[in-house]
Amino acid sequence: MRAEITMIYEDNNTATAVAKAVSPDNLDAPQGLMVETIATESSVKSIIQCNKTIKTFIATIDDLLSAIQSAEKTLTEIDS
């Protein structure tokens, strides 16, 4: 299974900060699971490749979106 998620932001700095915030979570993925997150201009693209169960695939996407949401909230608080 494979998914691509793209988040679009107002500027490059925000996209870069979000990508850096969620990238450490991607380093320790178990075998059969790959998550890659990159910032390009004002967007963040995450690619999830899962050779495990659908439950693992959905949980991984949920974890990634939660991490992105936390990063966005933190950046909003910092900017306030």
C-alpha atoms as a PDB file:
ATOM      1  CA  MET A   1       0.000   0.000   0.000  1.00  0.00           C
ATOM      2  CA  ARG A   2       1.192   3.495  -0.754  1.00  0.00           C
ATOM      3  CA  ALA A   3      -0.058   6.954   0.091  1.00  0.00           C
ATOM      4  CA  GLU A   4       1.132  10.438  -0.750  1.00  0.00           C
ATOM      5  CA  ILE A   5       0.004  13.329   1.440  1.00  0.00           C
ATOM      6  CA  THR A   6       0.704  16.934   0.472  1.00  0.00           C
ATOM      7  CA  MET A   7       0.158  19.846   2.835  1.00  0.00           C
ATOM      8  CA  ILE A   8       0.355  23.382   1.433  1.00  0.00           C
ATOM      9  CA  TYR A   9       1.463  26.313   3.592  1.00  0.00           C
ATOM     10  CA  GLU A  10       1.700  30.071   3.219  1.00  0.00           C
ATOM     11  CA  ASP A  11       5.479  30.101   2.946  1.00  0.00           C
ATOM     12  CA  ASN A  12       8.646  28.035   2.622  1.00  0.00           C
ATOM     13  CA  ASN A  13       9.721  28.615   6.246  1.00  0.00           C
ATOM     14  CA  THR A  14       6.554  27.039   7.620  1.00  0.00           C
ATOM     15  CA  ALA A  15       6.783  24.069   5.255  1.00  0.00           C
ATOM     16  CA  THR A  16      10.427  23.498   6.181  1.00  0.00           C
ATOM     17  CA  ALA A  17       9.701  23.720   9.916  1.00  0.00           C
ATOM     18  CA  VAL A  18       6.828  21.228   9.689  1.00  0.00           C
ATOM     19  CA  ALA A  19       8.884  18.777   7.619  1.00  0.00           C
ATOM     20  CA  LYS A  20      11.794  18.984  10.070  1.00  0.00           C
ATOM     21  CA  ALA A  21       9.455  18.513  13.026  1.00  0.00           C
ATOM     22  CA  VAL A  22       7.965  15.259  11.712  1.00  0.00           C
ATOM     23  CA  SER A  23      11.067  13.805  10.035  1.00  0.00           C
ATOM     24  CA  PRO A  24      12.661  12.349  13.225  1.00  0.00           C
ATOM     25  CA  ASP A  25       9.568  10.148  13.632  1.00  0.00           C
ATOM     26  CA  ASN A  26      10.305   8.645  10.230  1.00  0.00           C
ATOM     27  CA  LEU A  27      13.811   7.426  11.088  1.00  0.00           C
ATOM     28  CA  ASP A  28      12.830   4.458  13.250  1.00  0.00           C
ATOM     29  CA  ALA A  29      10.195   2.902  11.004  1.00  0.00           C
ATOM     30  CA  PRO A  30      10.078  -0.887  11.309  1.00  0.00           C
ATOM     31  CA  GLN A  31      10.939  -3.159   8.405  1.00  0.00           C
ATOM     32  CA  GLY A  32       8.178  -3.172   5.810  1.00  0.00           C
ATOM     33  CA  LEU A  33       7.243   0.439   6.519  1.00  0.00           C
ATOM     34  CA  MET A  34       8.769   3.535   4.926  1.00  0.00           C
ATOM     35  CA  VAL A  35       7.804   7.137   5.571  1.00  0.00           C
ATOM     36  CA  GLU A  36       9.601   9.951   3.770  1.00  0.00           C
ATOM     37  CA  THR A  37       8.774  13.610   4.314  1.00  0.00           C
ATOM     38  CA  ILE A  38      10.235  16.475   2.301  1.00  0.00           C
ATOM     39  CA  ALA A  39       9.586  20.206   2.041  1.00  0.00           C
ATOM     40  CA  THR A  40       9.463  21.780  -1.393  1.00  0.00           C
ATOM     41  CA  GLU A  41       8.809  25.485  -1.644  1.00  0.00           C
ATOM     42  CA  SER A  42       5.646  26.049   0.406  1.00  0.00           C
ATOM     43  CA  SER A  43       4.486  22.443   0.659  1.00  0.00           C
ATOM     44  CA  VAL A  44       5.290  19.320   2.642  1.00  0.00           C
ATOM     45  CA  LYS A  45       4.992  15.971   0.903  1.00  0.00           C
ATOM     46  CA  SER A  46       4.944  12.693   2.806  1.00  0.00           C
ATOM     47  CA  ILE A  47       5.146   9.325   1.110  1.00  0.00           C
ATOM     48  CA  ILE A  48       4.093   6.260   3.079  1.00  0.00           C
ATOM     49  CA  GLN A  49       4.933   2.790   1.776  1.00  0.00           C
ATOM     50  CA  CYS A  50       3.608  -0.124   3.841  1.00  0.00           C
ATOM     51  CA  ASN A  51       4.038  -3.824   3.223  1.00  0.00           C
ATOM     52  CA  LYS A  52       2.275  -4.732   6.458  1.00  0.00           C
ATOM     53  CA  THR A  53      -1.410  -4.844   7.423  1.00  0.00           C
ATOM     54  CA  ILE A  54      -4.031  -2.231   6.551  1.00  0.00           C
ATOM     55  CA  LYS A  55      -4.261  -1.525  10.288  1.00  0.00           C
ATOM     56  CA  THR A  56      -0.551  -0.600  10.361  1.00  0.00           C
ATOM     57  CA  PHE A  57      -0.971   1.522   7.232  1.00  0.00           C
ATOM     58  CA  ILE A  58      -3.885   3.500   8.673  1.00  0.00           C
ATOM     59  CA  ALA A  59      -2.188   3.887  12.072  1.00  0.00           C
ATOM     60  CA  THR A  60       0.939   5.224  10.373  1.00  0.00           C
ATOM     61  CA  ILE A  61      -1.041   7.805   8.413  1.00  0.00           C
ATOM     62  CA  ASP A  62      -2.904   8.783  11.591  1.00  0.00           C
ATOM     63  CA  ASP A  63       0.381   9.184  13.513  1.00  0.00           C
ATOM     64  CA  LEU A  64       1.873  11.283  10.723  1.00  0.00           C
ATOM     65  CA  LEU A  65      -1.143  13.593  10.535  1.00  0.00           C
ATOM     66  CA  SER A  66      -1.133  13.980  14.325  1.00  0.00           C
ATOM     67  CA  ALA A  67       2.557  14.927  14.259  1.00  0.00           C
ATOM     68  CA  ILE A  68       1.907  17.448  11.483  1.00  0.00           C
ATOM     69  CA  GLN A  69      -0.991  18.924  13.437  1.00  0.00           C
ATOM     70  CA  SER A  70       1.168  19.254  16.570  1.00  0.00           C
ATOM     71  CA  ALA A  71       3.902  20.991  14.581  1.00  0.00           C
ATOM     72  CA  GLU A  72       1.375  23.395  13.068  1.00  0.00           C
ATOM     73  CA  LYS A  73      -0.081  24.236  16.503  1.00  0.00           C
ATOM     74  CA  THR A  74       3.392  24.845  17.902  1.00  0.00           C
ATOM     75  CA  LEU A  75       4.285  27.160  15.034  1.00  0.00           C
ATOM     76  CA  THR A  76       1.012  29.045  15.502  1.00  0.00           C
ATOM     77  CA  GLU A  77       1.780  29.544  19.208  1.00  0.00           C
ATOM     78  CA  ILE A  78       5.303  30.739  18.434  1.00  0.00           C
ATOM     79  CA  ASP A  79       4.000  33.241  15.866  1.00  0.00           C
ATOM     80  CA  SER A  80       1.377  34.629  18.281  1.00  0.00           C
END
